[in-house]
Amino acid sequence: MASNLDDLLSAVRRLSSVGGVVLRTGERPDSLAFEFDERYTTYMESLVDLPTEAQLYSLQALDNGIQALSDPEDAVLWNARAFDSHPRWIELRTLADRVLREFSEGVQP
């Protein structure tokens, strides 16, 4: 049985993958962001042991980055082509990579 952390890291992995994967599979960036949001909320609500400061900061940075794309003028960024090449999505993938590094190197709760 997968833990809430496993589910969260799976969603983060999908956000960190190159945009070409999204283009090939037909997945939509908004679905990936929604999945992350659901998993992040579930993980945070079910915490028994706190993650390290670096782990928590990396998760918050990724969440904030996704939330920053929620303005109406950013609607043009919610497609596979933008996910593949737009600088803001590239930055979000970098943030997702950082989450994965923090959880693989840090002390896991």
Protein backbone atom coordinates (compact mmCIF):
# COMPACT_ATOMS: atom_id res chain seq x y z
CA MET A 1 0.00 0.00 0.00
CA ALA A 2 1.45 3.35 -1.04
CA SER A 3 1.86 6.04 1.58
CA ASN A 4 0.75 9.64 1.21
CA LEU A 5 4.41 10.55 0.74
CA ASP A 6 4.80 7.98 -2.04
CA ASP A 7 1.69 9.36 -3.76
CA LEU A 8 2.99 12.91 -3.42
CA LEU A 9 6.42 12.06 -4.80
CA SER A 10 4.79 10.23 -7.71
CA ALA A 11 2.87 13.40 -8.58
CA VAL A 12 6.05 15.47 -8.24
CA ARG A 13 7.90 13.03 -10.53
CA ARG A 14 5.24 13.52 -13.19
CA LEU A 15 5.64 17.29 -12.97
CA SER A 16 9.42 17.01 -13.17
CA SER A 17 9.42 14.90 -16.33
CA VAL A 18 10.22 16.56 -19.62
CA GLY A 19 7.29 18.13 -21.41
CA GLY A 20 7.67 15.71 -24.29
CA VAL A 21 6.23 13.01 -22.05
CA VAL A 22 3.11 15.12 -21.66
CA LEU A 23 2.93 15.62 -25.42
CA ARG A 24 3.32 11.89 -26.12
CA THR A 25 0.88 10.64 -23.49
CA GLY A 26 -1.77 13.26 -24.11
CA GLU A 27 -1.80 14.27 -20.45
CA ARG A 28 -2.63 17.86 -19.71
CA PRO A 29 -0.51 20.12 -17.52
CA ASP A 30 -3.60 21.15 -15.55
CA SER A 31 -4.24 17.49 -14.68
CA LEU A 32 -0.66 17.11 -13.44
CA ALA A 33 -0.93 20.29 -11.36
CA PHE A 34 -4.30 19.20 -9.94
CA GLU A 35 -2.87 15.80 -9.03
CA PHE A 36 0.05 17.47 -7.24
CA ASP A 37 -2.31 19.80 -5.37
CA GLU A 38 -4.48 16.92 -4.18
CA ARG A 39 -1.50 14.80 -3.10
CA TYR A 40 0.22 17.76 -1.42
CA THR A 41 -2.92 18.63 0.56
CA THR A 42 -3.44 15.00 1.61
CA TYR A 43 0.21 14.67 2.64
CA MET A 44 0.18 17.88 4.68
CA GLU A 45 -3.10 17.01 6.40
CA SER A 46 -1.87 13.56 7.40
CA LEU A 47 1.56 14.46 8.76
CA VAL A 48 2.65 12.60 11.84
CA ASP A 49 6.34 13.51 11.59
CA LEU A 50 7.40 16.78 10.04
CA PRO A 51 9.59 16.72 6.95
CA THR A 52 12.96 18.42 7.18
CA GLU A 53 13.04 22.17 6.73
CA ALA A 54 14.60 21.78 3.27
CA GLN A 55 11.96 19.23 2.23
CA LEU A 56 9.13 21.46 3.42
CA TYR A 57 10.62 24.52 1.74
CA SER A 58 11.01 22.67 -1.57
CA LEU A 59 7.38 21.50 -1.47
CA GLN A 60 6.14 24.99 -0.64
CA ALA A 61 8.22 26.51 -3.45
CA LEU A 62 6.71 24.07 -5.96
CA ASP A 63 3.19 24.67 -4.67
CA ASN A 64 3.68 28.45 -4.79
CA GLY A 65 5.05 28.20 -8.32
CA ILE A 66 2.00 26.29 -9.51
CA GLN A 67 -0.34 28.69 -7.73
CA ALA A 68 1.43 31.60 -9.45
CA LEU A 69 0.28 30.17 -12.79
CA SER A 70 -3.36 30.40 -11.75
CA ASP A 71 -3.95 33.99 -12.85
CA PRO A 72 -6.34 34.40 -15.81
CA GLU A 73 -3.59 35.90 -17.99
CA ASP A 74 -1.63 32.65 -17.57
CA ALA A 75 -4.33 30.52 -19.22
CA VAL A 76 -2.19 30.31 -22.36
CA LEU A 77 0.43 28.38 -20.38
CA TRP A 78 -1.86 25.44 -19.59
CA ASN A 79 -1.17 23.35 -22.67
CA ALA A 80 1.34 20.66 -23.55
CA ARG A 81 3.40 22.88 -25.84
CA ALA A 82 3.88 25.54 -23.14
CA PHE A 83 4.64 22.82 -20.58
CA ASP A 84 7.38 21.59 -22.89
CA SER A 85 9.13 24.88 -23.52
CA HIS A 86 7.87 27.91 -21.58
CA PRO A 87 10.38 29.30 -19.07
CA ARG A 88 7.85 29.25 -16.23
CA TRP A 89 7.17 25.52 -16.73
CA ILE A 90 10.88 24.86 -17.03
CA GLU A 91 11.31 26.61 -13.67
CA LEU A 92 8.51 24.51 -12.16
CA ARG A 93 10.14 21.31 -13.41
CA THR A 94 13.37 22.49 -11.76
CA LEU A 95 11.45 23.02 -8.51
CA ALA A 96 9.96 19.53 -8.83
CA ASP A 97 13.46 18.11 -9.36
CA ARG A 98 14.55 19.86 -6.18
CA VAL A 99 11.69 18.25 -4.20
CA LEU A 100 12.79 14.84 -5.43
CA ARG A 101 16.40 15.53 -4.47
CA GLU A 102 15.43 16.76 -1.00
CA PHE A 103 13.32 13.70 -0.29
CA SER A 104 15.94 11.29 -1.58
CA GLU A 105 18.76 12.92 0.37
CA GLY A 106 16.96 14.10 3.50
CA VAL A 107 15.65 12.16 6.43
CA GLN A 108 12.21 11.02 5.41
CA PRO A 109 9.40 11.32 7.91
